[in-house]
Amino acid sequence: MANDSAIQGNRQPGLHVAIIMDGNGRWAARQGLPRVAGHRVGVLTARRIVEHADEIGIRCLTLYAFSSDNWRRPAAEVTRVFWLLRAFLRMETARLRERGVRFEAIGRRDRIPEAALRTMERTEEVTAGGSGLHLRVAIDYSSRDAIARAACEAAALSDEALFRPDMLRSMVTQALAGDCGEVDLLIRTGGEKRLSDFLLWECAYAELAFTERMWPEFDEADLDAAIAEFRHRERRFGGVPEPPMKQVSEPAGQPVSA
């Protein structure tokens, strides 16, 4: 854990950071371990990163834990992932509440195992009053499905939205981004360089950072480095940078007025 002075010097209030936590299985394979061992260490990494994000003042952290396509993985691995999710939330809910962290799960809920779903919903209820870090975990999540559902719901709420793209866009953005707003910085671990159906709408103008480090290896210093790089990027949102202010010099040979 970073020391207090380092944390204070790296505070990043207001940011929405999203992370694709990739590489658990490959990390385990490199260690000669079963894939589930990578998921187990990945949970510990998530705990450290959540705490650090809270300490440096990140406003919203969205973690990609389980995509809708991950159901294609071996059943034993999927079962273990949800067991680890449940165990993590049961151990961490009280701590999240003490820290003022608000937990929210995004994605489908109709296919999640009942025990894991009950634990998720309890954590949401217990931490609902948190005013610090907004922690969102994407579980059984597909961005394309989320966009389609949000558009359908917006059209059902207002017939006018069908004929006004600006209204539909605003309603879809609110449904998807909610209190967190659009993503400022998206980080993907594991060396891959793709979005994998994650927050496609909300990442329209996100800065992207890719690292070769596998998720179990990712640490607080890596998060700090990604944010430091983000702070040096020029975000124009389709516009042009502000021109530098011209310095007005006095004509040669003319005295400067008092």
Protein backbone atom coordinates (compact mmCIF):
# COMPACT_ATOMS: atom_id res chain seq x y z
CA MET A 1 0.00 0.00 0.00
CA ALA A 2 1.24 3.46 -0.86
CA ASN A 3 2.22 5.70 2.01
CA ASP A 4 0.04 8.64 3.07
CA SER A 5 2.22 11.32 1.48
CA ALA A 6 2.24 9.51 -1.87
CA ILE A 7 -1.53 9.11 -1.73
CA GLN A 8 -2.08 12.79 -0.98
CA GLY A 9 0.22 13.75 -3.84
CA ASN A 10 -1.66 11.55 -6.31
CA ARG A 11 -5.25 12.43 -5.55
CA GLN A 12 -7.44 12.29 -8.64
CA PRO A 13 -10.88 13.65 -7.73
CA GLY A 14 -13.64 13.43 -10.27
CA LEU A 15 -12.32 10.67 -12.53
CA HIS A 16 -14.34 7.73 -13.84
CA VAL A 17 -11.85 4.91 -14.37
CA ALA A 18 -12.85 1.59 -15.95
CA ILE A 19 -10.68 -1.53 -15.92
CA ILE A 20 -10.87 -4.71 -17.99
CA MET A 21 -9.30 -7.16 -15.55
CA ASP A 22 -7.71 -9.53 -18.06
CA GLY A 23 -5.05 -12.23 -17.71
CA ASN A 24 -6.03 -14.26 -14.65
CA GLY A 25 -6.01 -17.58 -16.47
CA ARG A 26 -2.83 -16.89 -18.46
CA TRP A 27 -1.03 -15.75 -15.31
CA ALA A 28 -1.98 -18.99 -13.56
CA ALA A 29 -0.84 -21.08 -16.53
CA ARG A 30 2.57 -19.39 -16.46
CA GLN A 31 2.87 -20.34 -12.80
CA GLY A 32 1.91 -23.94 -13.53
CA LEU A 33 -1.35 -23.45 -11.62
CA PRO A 34 -4.99 -24.13 -12.53
CA ARG A 35 -6.88 -21.20 -14.04
CA VAL A 36 -9.00 -20.78 -10.92
CA ALA A 37 -5.85 -19.89 -8.96
CA GLY A 38 -5.50 -16.84 -11.19
CA HIS A 39 -9.05 -15.78 -10.43
CA ARG A 40 -8.39 -16.18 -6.71
CA VAL A 41 -5.30 -13.95 -6.84
CA GLY A 42 -7.21 -11.57 -9.12
CA VAL A 43 -9.80 -11.05 -6.39
CA LEU A 44 -7.05 -9.93 -4.02
CA THR A 45 -5.76 -7.54 -6.68
CA ALA A 46 -9.26 -6.10 -7.07
CA ARG A 47 -9.45 -5.49 -3.34
CA ARG A 48 -6.16 -3.55 -3.35
CA ILE A 49 -7.08 -1.50 -6.40
CA VAL A 50 -10.51 -0.60 -5.01
CA GLU A 51 -8.94 0.59 -1.77
CA HIS A 52 -6.30 2.61 -3.59
CA ALA A 53 -8.85 4.16 -5.94
CA ASP A 54 -10.83 5.25 -2.90
CA GLU A 55 -7.73 6.65 -1.19
CA ILE A 56 -6.69 8.78 -4.17
CA GLY A 57 -10.18 10.16 -4.63
CA ILE A 58 -11.32 8.51 -7.86
CA ARG A 59 -15.03 9.23 -8.18
CA CYS A 60 -16.14 6.08 -9.97
CA LEU A 61 -14.41 2.75 -10.66
CA THR A 62 -16.03 0.24 -13.03
CA LEU A 63 -14.51 -3.25 -13.10
CA TYR A 64 -15.24 -5.83 -15.82
CA ALA A 65 -15.61 -9.06 -13.86
CA PHE A 66 -17.67 -11.39 -16.07
CA SER A 67 -18.89 -10.78 -19.61
CA SER A 68 -22.00 -12.32 -21.15
CA ASP A 69 -19.65 -14.24 -23.46
CA ASN A 70 -17.82 -15.77 -20.48
CA TRP A 71 -20.65 -18.29 -20.07
CA ARG A 72 -18.85 -20.19 -22.86
CA ARG A 73 -16.04 -21.07 -20.47
CA PRO A 74 -15.91 -24.45 -18.68
CA ALA A 75 -18.76 -24.81 -16.20
CA ALA A 76 -16.40 -25.55 -13.31
CA GLU A 77 -14.50 -22.30 -13.92
CA VAL A 78 -17.72 -20.26 -14.14
CA THR A 79 -19.00 -21.79 -10.90
CA ARG A 80 -15.73 -20.93 -9.17
CA VAL A 81 -15.81 -17.33 -10.43
CA PHE A 82 -19.24 -16.77 -8.89
CA TRP A 83 -18.14 -18.51 -5.68
CA LEU A 84 -15.19 -16.12 -5.46
CA LEU A 85 -17.44 -13.12 -6.14
CA ARG A 86 -19.77 -14.16 -3.36
CA ALA A 87 -16.91 -14.81 -0.95
CA PHE A 88 -15.34 -11.43 -1.75
CA LEU A 89 -18.56 -9.52 -1.14
CA ARG A 90 -19.34 -11.38 2.08
CA MET A 91 -15.90 -10.50 3.43
CA GLU A 92 -15.75 -6.94 2.13
CA THR A 93 -19.27 -5.50 2.46
CA ALA A 94 -18.78 -4.17 5.98
CA ARG A 95 -15.42 -2.69 5.00
CA LEU A 96 -16.89 -1.03 1.92
CA ARG A 97 -19.60 0.52 4.06
CA GLU A 98 -17.09 1.80 6.62
CA ARG A 99 -15.09 3.45 3.83
CA GLY A 100 -18.19 5.05 2.33
CA VAL A 101 -17.88 3.04 -0.89
CA ARG A 102 -21.11 2.53 -2.81
CA PHE A 103 -21.29 -0.83 -4.60
CA GLU A 104 -23.40 -1.40 -7.70
CA ALA A 105 -23.58 -4.38 -10.05
CA ILE A 106 -24.31 -3.70 -13.71
CA GLY A 107 -25.38 -6.28 -16.28
CA ARG A 108 -28.03 -8.98 -16.48
CA ARG A 109 -29.29 -10.56 -13.28
CA ASP A 110 -31.58 -13.30 -14.52
CA ARG A 111 -28.76 -15.81 -15.16
CA ILE A 112 -26.63 -15.20 -12.08
CA PRO A 113 -26.68 -18.05 -9.52
CA GLU A 114 -29.22 -17.28 -6.80
CA ALA A 115 -26.77 -17.29 -3.88
CA ALA A 116 -24.41 -14.88 -5.66
CA LEU A 117 -27.32 -12.64 -6.68
CA ARG A 118 -28.60 -12.41 -3.11
CA THR A 119 -25.13 -11.48 -1.87
CA MET A 120 -24.74 -8.81 -4.57
CA GLU A 121 -28.09 -7.26 -3.79
CA ARG A 122 -27.37 -7.23 -0.07
CA THR A 123 -24.07 -5.45 -0.66
CA GLU A 124 -25.87 -2.89 -2.84
CA GLU A 125 -28.44 -2.33 -0.09
CA VAL A 126 -25.89 -2.05 2.74
CA THR A 127 -23.64 0.38 0.86
CA ALA A 128 -26.36 2.44 -0.85
CA GLY A 129 -25.67 5.45 1.36
CA GLY A 130 -21.97 5.64 0.51
CA SER A 131 -20.81 9.08 -0.57
CA GLY A 132 -17.23 8.19 -1.50
CA LEU A 133 -16.05 5.94 -4.31
CA HIS A 134 -18.81 4.56 -6.54
CA LEU A 135 -17.70 1.00 -7.28
CA ARG A 136 -19.47 -0.68 -10.19
CA VAL A 137 -18.80 -4.31 -11.07
CA ALA A 138 -19.93 -5.53 -14.50
CA ILE A 139 -21.28 -9.08 -14.17
CA ASP A 140 -22.96 -11.01 -17.00
CA TYR A 141 -22.43 -7.78 -18.91
CA SER A 142 -22.63 -6.96 -22.62
CA SER A 143 -22.42 -3.33 -23.69
CA ARG A 144 -24.29 -3.94 -26.93
CA ASP A 145 -27.14 -5.59 -25.05
CA ALA A 146 -27.17 -2.74 -22.51
CA ILE A 147 -27.36 -0.14 -25.29
CA ALA A 148 -30.20 -2.01 -27.02
CA ARG A 149 -32.18 -2.32 -23.78
CA ALA A 150 -31.64 1.34 -22.89
CA ALA A 151 -32.83 2.45 -26.34
CA CYS A 152 -35.94 0.28 -26.11
CA GLU A 153 -36.75 1.60 -22.64
CA ALA A 154 -36.26 5.21 -23.77
CA ALA A 155 -38.57 4.70 -26.74
CA ALA A 156 -41.19 3.11 -24.48
CA LEU A 157 -41.05 6.07 -22.10
CA SER A 158 -41.42 8.70 -24.81
CA ASP A 159 -42.79 8.37 -28.34
CA GLU A 160 -41.03 11.64 -29.11
CA ALA A 161 -37.67 9.98 -28.50
CA LEU A 162 -38.23 7.86 -31.61
CA PHE A 163 -38.17 10.99 -33.77
CA ARG A 164 -35.63 13.10 -31.86
CA PRO A 165 -32.14 11.59 -31.89
CA ASP A 166 -30.91 14.20 -29.40
CA MET A 167 -33.54 13.18 -26.87
CA LEU A 168 -32.90 9.47 -27.42
CA ARG A 169 -29.16 9.99 -27.06
CA SER A 170 -29.62 11.88 -23.78
CA MET A 171 -31.95 9.23 -22.35
CA VAL A 172 -29.67 6.35 -23.34
CA THR A 173 -26.65 8.11 -21.86
CA GLN A 174 -28.45 8.65 -18.56
CA ALA A 175 -29.62 5.03 -18.46
CA LEU A 176 -26.16 3.64 -19.12
CA ALA A 177 -23.82 6.08 -17.40
CA GLY A 178 -26.05 7.09 -14.48
CA ASP A 179 -24.30 8.94 -11.67
CA CYS A 180 -20.85 7.91 -12.90
CA GLY A 181 -21.08 9.68 -16.23
CA GLU A 182 -18.92 8.77 -19.20
CA VAL A 183 -15.56 7.04 -18.76
CA ASP A 184 -12.44 9.21 -18.56
CA LEU A 185 -9.81 6.47 -18.55
CA LEU A 186 -10.11 2.83 -19.61
CA ILE A 187 -7.34 0.44 -18.58
CA ARG A 188 -6.93 -3.08 -19.91
CA THR A 189 -4.44 -5.50 -18.42
CA GLY A 190 -3.09 -8.69 -19.97
CA GLY A 191 -1.61 -7.31 -23.18
CA GLU A 192 -4.76 -7.42 -25.31
CA LYS A 193 -5.84 -4.22 -27.10
CA ARG A 194 -9.59 -4.38 -27.57
CA LEU A 195 -12.73 -3.29 -25.69
CA SER A 196 -14.46 -6.69 -25.64
CA ASP A 197 -18.00 -5.28 -25.53
CA PHE A 198 -17.32 -3.20 -22.42
CA LEU A 199 -18.87 0.26 -21.90
CA LEU A 200 -18.85 1.02 -25.63
CA TRP A 201 -21.25 3.96 -25.34
CA GLU A 202 -19.67 5.40 -22.20
CA CYS A 203 -16.14 5.12 -23.66
CA ALA A 204 -16.86 7.27 -26.72
CA TYR A 205 -14.17 9.77 -25.66
CA ALA A 206 -12.30 7.75 -23.05
CA GLU A 207 -8.52 7.69 -23.04
CA LEU A 208 -7.27 4.12 -23.45
CA ALA A 209 -4.34 2.55 -21.61
CA PHE A 210 -3.08 -0.97 -22.26
CA THR A 211 -0.52 -2.85 -20.19
CA GLU A 212 1.23 -6.18 -20.67
CA ARG A 213 0.92 -6.91 -16.96
CA MET A 214 -1.59 -9.62 -16.12
CA TRP A 215 -4.35 -8.63 -13.71
CA PRO A 216 -2.90 -10.61 -10.75
CA GLU A 217 0.34 -8.61 -11.22
CA PHE A 218 -1.33 -5.20 -11.49
CA ASP A 219 -0.77 -3.01 -8.44
CA GLU A 220 -1.28 0.47 -7.05
CA ALA A 221 1.79 1.83 -8.80
CA ASP A 222 0.42 0.62 -12.14
CA LEU A 223 -2.83 2.46 -11.53
CA ASP A 224 -0.93 5.61 -10.57
CA ALA A 225 1.19 5.35 -13.73
CA ALA A 226 -1.86 4.98 -15.96
CA ILE A 227 -3.47 8.02 -14.37
CA ALA A 228 -0.26 10.04 -14.66
CA GLU A 229 -0.12 9.26 -18.39
CA PHE A 230 -3.80 10.18 -18.71
CA ARG A 231 -3.11 13.57 -17.12
CA HIS A 232 -0.53 14.33 -19.83
CA ARG A 233 -2.90 13.61 -22.70
CA GLU A 234 -4.74 16.38 -24.51
CA ARG A 235 -8.48 15.72 -24.53
CA ARG A 236 -10.20 17.71 -27.29
CA PHE A 237 -13.54 15.87 -27.59
CA GLY A 238 -13.58 16.49 -31.34
CA GLY A 239 -12.53 20.13 -31.07
CA VAL A 240 -9.18 21.83 -31.39
CA PRO A 241 -6.75 22.77 -28.62
CA GLU A 242 -6.89 26.24 -27.18
CA PRO A 243 -4.30 28.45 -28.88
CA PRO A 244 -1.52 29.68 -26.59
CA MET A 245 -1.90 33.25 -25.37
CA LYS A 246 0.22 35.66 -27.37
CA GLN A 247 2.52 37.87 -25.41
CA VAL A 248 2.23 41.53 -26.38
CA SER A 249 5.62 43.23 -26.52
CA GLU A 250 6.30 46.92 -26.52
CA PRO A 251 7.49 48.48 -29.82
CA ALA A 252 11.27 48.81 -30.01
CA GLY A 253 12.58 52.07 -28.64
CA GLN A 254 9.34 52.99 -26.86
CA PRO A 255 9.42 53.49 -23.10
CA VAL A 256 7.17 51.39 -20.92
CA SER A 257 4.42 53.48 -19.34
CA ALA A 258 4.37 53.60 -15.60
